[in-house]
């Protein structure tokens, strides 16, 4: 299960990041996730054209993948 992190204010940095992307890029980031990481923090990577998008995440109890922040590199 994928869960979006929400701050105490109710904001979700990843949802905001995806909203700012064009729809084609957001679909690519949403559906083509390659997990790269170490013990604690993982990185979901997606390439779209010449852009590379990354979303930081971690595994939580109950097999939940919690998405925390997104950015373009």
Protein backbone atom coordinates (compact mmCIF):
# COMPACT_ATOMS: atom_id res chain seq x y z
CA UNK A 1 0.00 0.00 0.00
CA UNK A 2 1.32 3.47 -0.86
CA UNK A 3 0.60 6.29 1.61
CA UNK A 4 1.30 9.99 1.15
CA UNK A 5 2.94 11.65 4.14
CA UNK A 6 0.84 14.50 5.57
CA UNK A 7 2.18 17.27 7.77
CA UNK A 8 0.25 18.39 10.86
CA UNK A 9 -1.26 21.12 8.64
CA UNK A 10 -2.73 18.42 6.38
CA UNK A 11 -0.44 19.24 3.45
CA UNK A 12 1.19 16.45 1.46
CA UNK A 13 4.52 17.49 -0.15
CA UNK A 14 4.38 14.64 -2.69
CA UNK A 15 0.82 15.40 -3.78
CA UNK A 16 1.81 19.06 -4.20
CA UNK A 17 4.84 18.01 -6.26
CA UNK A 18 2.73 15.77 -8.51
CA UNK A 19 0.12 18.53 -8.92
CA UNK A 20 2.83 20.92 -10.18
CA UNK A 21 3.99 18.45 -12.86
CA UNK A 22 2.27 18.20 -16.22
CA UNK A 23 -0.22 15.34 -16.42
CA UNK A 24 1.99 13.13 -18.65
CA UNK A 25 4.97 13.48 -16.31
CA UNK A 26 2.81 12.89 -13.22
CA UNK A 27 1.44 9.67 -14.75
CA UNK A 28 4.99 8.51 -15.48
CA UNK A 29 6.14 9.23 -11.92
CA UNK A 30 3.05 7.57 -10.48
CA UNK A 31 3.24 4.36 -12.51
CA UNK A 32 6.93 3.77 -13.23
CA UNK A 33 8.69 3.65 -9.88
CA UNK A 34 12.14 2.16 -9.51
CA UNK A 35 13.07 1.83 -5.86
CA UNK A 36 16.70 2.61 -5.06
CA UNK A 37 17.96 2.95 -1.53
CA UNK A 38 19.54 1.74 1.62
CA UNK A 39 18.19 0.54 4.95
CA UNK A 40 15.90 3.45 5.83
CA UNK A 41 15.18 6.00 3.10
CA UNK A 42 14.35 4.87 -0.41
CA UNK A 43 14.15 6.82 -3.63
CA UNK A 44 11.50 6.22 -6.29
CA UNK A 45 12.91 7.27 -9.66
CA UNK A 46 11.11 7.92 -12.91
CA UNK A 47 12.49 9.26 -16.19
CA UNK A 48 10.30 11.35 -18.49
CA UNK A 49 12.03 12.68 -21.57
CA UNK A 50 15.23 14.34 -20.39
CA UNK A 51 13.84 14.84 -16.86
CA UNK A 52 14.40 12.56 -13.89
CA UNK A 53 11.88 12.76 -11.06
CA UNK A 54 12.54 11.42 -7.58
CA UNK A 55 10.30 10.79 -4.61
CA UNK A 56 11.77 9.96 -1.21
CA UNK A 57 9.99 7.30 0.82
CA UNK A 58 10.31 4.74 3.59
CA UNK A 59 8.69 1.46 4.55
CA UNK A 60 6.30 1.55 7.51
CA UNK A 61 4.43 -1.15 9.39
CA UNK A 62 1.88 -3.18 7.52
CA UNK A 63 3.84 -3.14 4.23
CA UNK A 64 3.08 0.54 3.71
CA UNK A 65 5.35 2.64 1.49
CA UNK A 66 5.18 6.22 2.79
CA UNK A 67 6.01 8.90 0.17
CA UNK A 68 7.50 11.99 1.80
CA UNK A 69 9.00 14.48 -0.73
CA UNK A 70 9.35 14.79 -4.50
CA UNK A 71 11.70 16.73 -6.74
CA UNK A 72 13.07 16.91 -10.28
CA UNK A 73 16.76 16.39 -10.81
